[in-house]
Structures are given as structure tokens and as C-alpha cells.
Amino acid sequence: MLLLRFFKFTYLFLIVCVIQCTTTGSSPIESVILNFNKNKKSYKIGVIDFIHSEKQTNKYNSMISDLFIVELSKDSSNILVERTKLAELLTEHSLEYSGLLDSDQARKLGKIIPIDLILTGSYSIQKIQTQEEIKISGRFIHVVTGEIVYAFNTTITQENQDSITNQNSSQQTTPEKNVLAT
């Protein structure tokens, strides 16, 4: 009898947890991309590595970009440029792959690669007690006009990092569905 109550309680608890997880807010990066995707046309987008505000190289440079790529690829209207090809073309034309592009560099890139937007940005890491907090600042730059189409600031906490990592590692991707190899 006690065992039956335990299983009923556990079952109800799991149902509440699943409902809570699916109805509460999304990850900070997912929220940024959902806002970007509202009322927009289809774009070909290149995502370059985000850089640390103090120009330090660490594991987050490409991880942050990868998180944005995953979120952008969820919307089939976004066409993403394959990152290795983007890096090769940037290197060939003496533009930095890792780092913030200014409007002039973005316009040069638009002449080289058939894309509409570049996603670029920076981040800083703050330690709060025992946790890391990553503050991300980014922008989508139109490669023809050099205009900033969408800019954002968001913060990832250690809790967000864990949930994003778990979410992305369990996600199945459809290969090459909306990736443009140039």
C-alpha cells in the first residue's frame, strides 16, 4: 500500500515536472532567436565565432556560436552558411573569422559570399559566488547595407548552460536541411 502511494506520488510529480518544463520559459539564446524570427523574411545567415570582450580565447568562443546555429536552424526559413567554408573565405580575403565585424567588413563579406546577414558578437564572463554567468551581446548585420538588423543582449547562467547542453545533446538534427555550403 505504501509502495503504491509512492509510485502514484512519483508519477504525479513527473507529470507536473514535464508540464512545467514545457510551459516555462525557454533558454536565453532560444528567446533571442524566437524574437529575431518574428515577422521576418527568409535570410541566408553566416554565424562567426563570438569573441571574449578582453580578446581571450577559450571554450566559449565557438560554443556560443554553435548554440545560435542550433537555434537558428530550427526555423526552416533560415538558411545557414557552412562555418568551415565561411572561415576559409574570410581567411582568403583577409577578414577575421573570429571577432566582431564592423559594417565595412560585413559589406565586403556580402560581395564574397552569397549571404544576407552575419551574426557576430562578444561576451564576458562573470563569476558570481561559485557560478559563471556569461553576458552575450550580439547583432545581425545586413551585408549589403551594413545596417544592424537586430541587436540583443542576453545572459546565460550556469543553470542555463546545463539545460542548453542537455537539450542540444539530446536533439536530433536533420543534416543539411537548411545549411548552405558555399
C-alpha atoms as a PDB file:
ATOM      1  CA  MET A   1       0.000   0.000   0.000  1.00  0.00           C
ATOM      2  CA  LEU A   2       2.792   2.382   0.921  1.00  0.00           C
ATOM      3  CA  LEU A   3       4.662   1.389  -2.222  1.00  0.00           C
ATOM      4  CA  LEU A   4       1.583   2.122  -4.355  1.00  0.00           C
ATOM      5  CA  ARG A   5       1.270   5.606  -2.826  1.00  0.00           C
ATOM      6  CA  PHE A   6       4.929   6.224  -3.525  1.00  0.00           C
ATOM      7  CA  PHE A   7       4.518   5.297  -7.204  1.00  0.00           C
ATOM      8  CA  LYS A   8       1.386   7.444  -7.548  1.00  0.00           C
ATOM      9  CA  PHE A   9       3.168  10.391  -5.978  1.00  0.00           C
ATOM     10  CA  THR A  10       6.225   9.872  -8.177  1.00  0.00           C
ATOM     11  CA  TYR A  11       4.062   9.578 -11.288  1.00  0.00           C
ATOM     12  CA  LEU A  12       2.166  12.800 -10.498  1.00  0.00           C
ATOM     13  CA  PHE A  13       5.413  14.574  -9.670  1.00  0.00           C
ATOM     14  CA  LEU A  14       6.910  13.576 -13.025  1.00  0.00           C
ATOM     15  CA  ILE A  15       3.824  14.742 -14.909  1.00  0.00           C
ATOM     16  CA  VAL A  16       3.950  18.125 -13.169  1.00  0.00           C
ATOM     17  CA  CYS A  17       7.676  18.417 -13.922  1.00  0.00           C
ATOM     18  CA  VAL A  18       7.171  17.635 -17.607  1.00  0.00           C
ATOM     19  CA  ILE A  19       4.319  20.138 -17.885  1.00  0.00           C
ATOM     20  CA  GLN A  20       6.347  22.763 -16.025  1.00  0.00           C
ATOM     21  CA  CYS A  21       9.400  22.189 -18.226  1.00  0.00           C
ATOM     22  CA  THR A  22       7.427  22.521 -21.451  1.00  0.00           C
ATOM     23  CA  THR A  23       5.424  25.587 -20.440  1.00  0.00           C
ATOM     24  CA  THR A  24       8.045  27.696 -18.697  1.00  0.00           C
ATOM     25  CA  GLY A  25      10.481  29.976 -20.444  1.00  0.00           C
ATOM     26  CA  SER A  26      12.983  28.874 -22.973  1.00  0.00           C
ATOM     27  CA  SER A  27      16.734  29.250 -22.883  1.00  0.00           C
ATOM     28  CA  PRO A  28      18.084  32.796 -23.265  1.00  0.00           C
ATOM     29  CA  ILE A  29      19.514  32.017 -26.698  1.00  0.00           C
ATOM     30  CA  GLU A  30      16.286  30.408 -27.851  1.00  0.00           C
ATOM     31  CA  SER A  31      14.412  33.542 -26.739  1.00  0.00           C
ATOM     32  CA  VAL A  32      16.755  35.773 -28.756  1.00  0.00           C
ATOM     33  CA  ILE A  33      16.241  33.711 -31.909  1.00  0.00           C
ATOM     34  CA  LEU A  34      12.476  33.483 -31.423  1.00  0.00           C
ATOM     35  CA  ASN A  35      12.355  37.280 -31.231  1.00  0.00           C
ATOM     36  CA  PHE A  36      14.586  37.589 -34.298  1.00  0.00           C
ATOM     37  CA  ASN A  37      12.391  35.174 -36.281  1.00  0.00           C
ATOM     38  CA  LYS A  38       9.188  37.144 -35.627  1.00  0.00           C
ATOM     39  CA  ASN A  39       7.809  38.885 -38.721  1.00  0.00           C
ATOM     40  CA  LYS A  40      10.839  38.424 -40.931  1.00  0.00           C
ATOM     41  CA  LYS A  41      11.601  37.169 -44.340  1.00  0.00           C
ATOM     42  CA  SER A  42      13.909  34.301 -45.186  1.00  0.00           C
ATOM     43  CA  TYR A  43      17.611  35.081 -44.708  1.00  0.00           C
ATOM     44  CA  LYS A  44      20.877  33.417 -45.611  1.00  0.00           C
ATOM     45  CA  ILE A  45      22.927  33.809 -42.433  1.00  0.00           C
ATOM     46  CA  GLY A  46      26.598  33.383 -41.618  1.00  0.00           C
ATOM     47  CA  VAL A  47      27.495  32.956 -37.950  1.00  0.00           C
ATOM     48  CA  ILE A  48      31.038  33.722 -36.858  1.00  0.00           C
ATOM     49  CA  ASP A  49      32.619  32.946 -33.508  1.00  0.00           C
ATOM     50  CA  PHE A  50      31.758  35.326 -30.704  1.00  0.00           C
ATOM     51  CA  ILE A  51      34.799  36.854 -29.026  1.00  0.00           C
ATOM     52  CA  HIS A  52      35.595  37.468 -25.385  1.00  0.00           C
ATOM     53  CA  SER A  53      35.409  41.161 -24.511  1.00  0.00           C
ATOM     54  CA  GLU A  54      39.031  41.008 -23.347  1.00  0.00           C
ATOM     55  CA  LYS A  55      40.124  39.159 -26.512  1.00  0.00           C
ATOM     56  CA  GLN A  56      40.836  35.952 -24.571  1.00  0.00           C
ATOM     57  CA  THR A  57      40.417  32.690 -26.436  1.00  0.00           C
ATOM     58  CA  ASN A  58      38.556  29.996 -24.542  1.00  0.00           C
ATOM     59  CA  LYS A  59      35.985  27.247 -24.940  1.00  0.00           C
ATOM     60  CA  TYR A  60      33.103  29.709 -25.216  1.00  0.00           C
ATOM     61  CA  ASN A  61      34.218  31.393 -28.469  1.00  0.00           C
ATOM     62  CA  SER A  62      32.775  28.728 -30.756  1.00  0.00           C
ATOM     63  CA  MET A  63      30.336  27.220 -28.224  1.00  0.00           C
ATOM     64  CA  ILE A  64      28.205  30.368 -28.182  1.00  0.00           C
ATOM     65  CA  SER A  65      28.163  30.486 -31.977  1.00  0.00           C
ATOM     66  CA  ASP A  66      27.211  26.811 -32.071  1.00  0.00           C
ATOM     67  CA  LEU A  67      24.270  27.455 -29.736  1.00  0.00           C
ATOM     68  CA  PHE A  68      22.999  30.207 -32.026  1.00  0.00           C
ATOM     69  CA  ILE A  69      23.427  27.960 -35.072  1.00  0.00           C
ATOM     70  CA  VAL A  70      21.338  25.248 -33.421  1.00  0.00           C
ATOM     71  CA  GLU A  71      18.570  27.701 -32.571  1.00  0.00           C
ATOM     72  CA  LEU A  72      18.631  29.379 -35.994  1.00  0.00           C
ATOM     73  CA  SER A  73      18.449  26.014 -37.761  1.00  0.00           C
ATOM     74  CA  LYS A  74      15.163  25.212 -36.025  1.00  0.00           C
ATOM     75  CA  ASP A  75      13.402  27.695 -38.321  1.00  0.00           C
ATOM     76  CA  SER A  76      13.424  26.354 -41.872  1.00  0.00           C
ATOM     77  CA  SER A  77      13.266  29.881 -43.303  1.00  0.00           C
ATOM     78  CA  ASN A  78      16.817  30.486 -42.067  1.00  0.00           C
ATOM     79  CA  ILE A  79      19.496  29.257 -44.452  1.00  0.00           C
ATOM     80  CA  LEU A  80      22.860  28.932 -42.725  1.00  0.00           C
ATOM     81  CA  VAL A  81      26.266  29.130 -44.370  1.00  0.00           C
ATOM     82  CA  GLU A  82      28.521  26.186 -43.542  1.00  0.00           C
ATOM     83  CA  ARG A  83      31.012  27.503 -40.985  1.00  0.00           C
ATOM     84  CA  THR A  84      34.181  25.919 -42.341  1.00  0.00           C
ATOM     85  CA  LYS A  85      33.528  27.396 -45.791  1.00  0.00           C
ATOM     86  CA  LEU A  86      32.793  30.771 -44.211  1.00  0.00           C
ATOM     87  CA  ALA A  87      36.068  30.621 -42.260  1.00  0.00           C
ATOM     88  CA  GLU A  88      38.047  29.676 -45.387  1.00  0.00           C
ATOM     89  CA  LEU A  89      36.591  32.517 -47.438  1.00  0.00           C
ATOM     90  CA  LEU A  90      37.163  35.049 -44.677  1.00  0.00           C
ATOM     91  CA  THR A  91      40.788  33.977 -44.357  1.00  0.00           C
ATOM     92  CA  GLU A  92      41.316  34.132 -48.122  1.00  0.00           C
ATOM     93  CA  HIS A  93      40.076  37.723 -48.202  1.00  0.00           C
ATOM     94  CA  SER A  94      41.993  38.872 -45.108  1.00  0.00           C
ATOM     95  CA  LEU A  95      38.944  39.269 -42.903  1.00  0.00           C
ATOM     96  CA  GLU A  96      38.913  37.926 -39.359  1.00  0.00           C
ATOM     97  CA  TYR A  97      36.792  34.833 -38.768  1.00  0.00           C
ATOM     98  CA  SER A  98      36.767  35.118 -35.014  1.00  0.00           C
ATOM     99  CA  GLY A  99      35.811  38.553 -33.920  1.00  0.00           C
ATOM    100  CA  LEU A 100      33.480  41.426 -34.393  1.00  0.00           C
ATOM    101  CA  LEU A 101      32.942  42.558 -37.927  1.00  0.00           C
ATOM    102  CA  ASP A 102      32.230  46.204 -38.479  1.00  0.00           C
ATOM    103  CA  SER A 103      29.807  47.411 -41.146  1.00  0.00           C
ATOM    104  CA  ASP A 104      32.521  47.843 -43.787  1.00  0.00           C
ATOM    105  CA  GLN A 105      33.833  44.314 -43.266  1.00  0.00           C
ATOM    106  CA  ALA A 106      30.288  42.942 -43.371  1.00  0.00           C
ATOM    107  CA  ARG A 107      29.691  44.683 -46.718  1.00  0.00           C
ATOM    108  CA  LYS A 108      32.953  43.218 -48.099  1.00  0.00           C
ATOM    109  CA  LEU A 109      31.810  39.807 -46.940  1.00  0.00           C
ATOM    110  CA  GLY A 110      28.493  40.274 -48.738  1.00  0.00           C
ATOM    111  CA  LYS A 111      30.375  40.699 -52.010  1.00  0.00           C
ATOM    112  CA  ILE A 112      32.326  37.463 -51.431  1.00  0.00           C
ATOM    113  CA  ILE A 113      29.656  35.101 -50.087  1.00  0.00           C
ATOM    114  CA  PRO A 114      26.000  34.959 -51.163  1.00  0.00           C
ATOM    115  CA  ILE A 115      24.531  35.727 -47.735  1.00  0.00           C
ATOM    116  CA  ASP A 116      22.177  38.353 -46.350  1.00  0.00           C
ATOM    117  CA  LEU A 117      23.216  38.617 -42.703  1.00  0.00           C
ATOM    118  CA  ILE A 118      26.180  37.981 -40.434  1.00  0.00           C
ATOM    119  CA  LEU A 119      25.624  37.147 -36.770  1.00  0.00           C
ATOM    120  CA  THR A 120      28.530  38.391 -34.688  1.00  0.00           C
ATOM    121  CA  GLY A 121      29.096  39.489 -31.129  1.00  0.00           C
ATOM    122  CA  SER A 122      31.071  39.403 -27.938  1.00  0.00           C
ATOM    123  CA  TYR A 123      30.691  38.038 -24.456  1.00  0.00           C
ATOM    124  CA  SER A 124      32.083  38.476 -20.975  1.00  0.00           C
ATOM    125  CA  ILE A 125      32.295  36.019 -18.130  1.00  0.00           C
ATOM    126  CA  GLN A 126      31.494  36.990 -14.577  1.00  0.00           C
ATOM    127  CA  LYS A 127      31.901  34.724 -11.598  1.00  0.00           C
ATOM    128  CA  ILE A 128      29.132  35.067  -9.073  1.00  0.00           C
ATOM    129  CA  GLN A 129      29.960  33.016  -5.995  1.00  0.00           C
ATOM    130  CA  THR A 130      30.630  29.561  -7.456  1.00  0.00           C
ATOM    131  CA  GLN A 131      28.780  30.016 -10.751  1.00  0.00           C
ATOM    132  CA  GLU A 132      29.753  31.557 -14.048  1.00  0.00           C
ATOM    133  CA  GLU A 133      27.468  33.986 -15.789  1.00  0.00           C
ATOM    134  CA  ILE A 134      28.054  34.698 -19.473  1.00  0.00           C
ATOM    135  CA  LYS A 135      26.799  38.033 -20.766  1.00  0.00           C
ATOM    136  CA  ILE A 136      26.355  37.965 -24.540  1.00  0.00           C
ATOM    137  CA  SER A 137      25.945  40.954 -26.819  1.00  0.00           C
ATOM    138  CA  GLY A 138      25.283  40.278 -30.479  1.00  0.00           C
ATOM    139  CA  ARG A 139      23.921  41.664 -33.682  1.00  0.00           C
ATOM    140  CA  PHE A 140      22.739  40.609 -37.107  1.00  0.00           C
ATOM    141  CA  ILE A 141      24.406  42.850 -39.714  1.00  0.00           C
ATOM    142  CA  HIS A 142      22.992  43.174 -43.235  1.00  0.00           C
ATOM    143  CA  VAL A 143      25.932  42.531 -45.573  1.00  0.00           C
ATOM    144  CA  VAL A 144      24.765  44.840 -48.366  1.00  0.00           C
ATOM    145  CA  THR A 145      23.813  47.928 -46.376  1.00  0.00           C
ATOM    146  CA  GLY A 146      25.925  47.379 -43.252  1.00  0.00           C
ATOM    147  CA  GLU A 147      22.826  48.098 -41.155  1.00  0.00           C
ATOM    148  CA  ILE A 148      22.264  46.331 -37.872  1.00  0.00           C
ATOM    149  CA  VAL A 149      19.025  44.450 -38.492  1.00  0.00           C
ATOM    150  CA  TYR A 150      18.671  43.100 -34.959  1.00  0.00           C
ATOM    151  CA  ALA A 151      20.776  43.543 -31.823  1.00  0.00           C
ATOM    152  CA  PHE A 152      20.474  41.804 -28.486  1.00  0.00           C
ATOM    153  CA  ASN A 153      21.929  41.293 -25.028  1.00  0.00           C
ATOM    154  CA  THR A 154      21.318  38.120 -23.067  1.00  0.00           C
ATOM    155  CA  THR A 155      22.802  36.288 -20.125  1.00  0.00           C
ATOM    156  CA  ILE A 156      23.475  32.596 -19.668  1.00  0.00           C
ATOM    157  CA  THR A 157      23.805  31.353 -16.111  1.00  0.00           C
ATOM    158  CA  GLN A 158      25.329  28.054 -15.045  1.00  0.00           C
ATOM    159  CA  GLU A 159      21.799  26.652 -14.770  1.00  0.00           C
ATOM    160  CA  ASN A 160      21.030  27.760 -18.351  1.00  0.00           C
ATOM    161  CA  GLN A 161      24.330  26.298 -19.592  1.00  0.00           C
ATOM    162  CA  ASP A 162      23.474  22.898 -18.137  1.00  0.00           C
ATOM    163  CA  SER A 163      19.962  22.866 -19.600  1.00  0.00           C
ATOM    164  CA  ILE A 164      21.172  24.106 -23.007  1.00  0.00           C
ATOM    165  CA  THR A 165      23.891  21.463 -23.108  1.00  0.00           C
ATOM    166  CA  ASN A 166      21.423  18.720 -22.177  1.00  0.00           C
ATOM    167  CA  GLN A 167      18.827  19.989 -24.642  1.00  0.00           C
ATOM    168  CA  ASN A 168      21.263  20.224 -27.539  1.00  0.00           C
ATOM    169  CA  SER A 169      22.944  16.892 -26.887  1.00  0.00           C
ATOM    170  CA  SER A 170      19.602  15.096 -26.960  1.00  0.00           C
ATOM    171  CA  GLN A 171      18.414  16.884 -30.085  1.00  0.00           C
ATOM    172  CA  GLN A 172      18.370  15.137 -33.445  1.00  0.00           C
ATOM    173  CA  THR A 173      19.427  17.328 -36.324  1.00  0.00           C
ATOM    174  CA  THR A 174      18.356  16.965 -39.894  1.00  0.00           C
ATOM    175  CA  PRO A 175      21.581  17.165 -41.848  1.00  0.00           C
ATOM    176  CA  GLU A 176      21.971  19.858 -44.469  1.00  0.00           C
ATOM    177  CA  LYS A 177      18.274  20.798 -44.359  1.00  0.00           C
ATOM    178  CA  ASN A 178      18.975  24.488 -44.196  1.00  0.00           C
ATOM    179  CA  VAL A 179      22.747  24.708 -44.440  1.00  0.00           C
ATOM    180  CA  LEU A 180      24.243  26.361 -47.477  1.00  0.00           C
ATOM    181  CA  ALA A 181      27.674  25.122 -48.476  1.00  0.00           C
ATOM    182  CA  THR A 182      29.339  27.839 -50.492  1.00  0.00           C
END
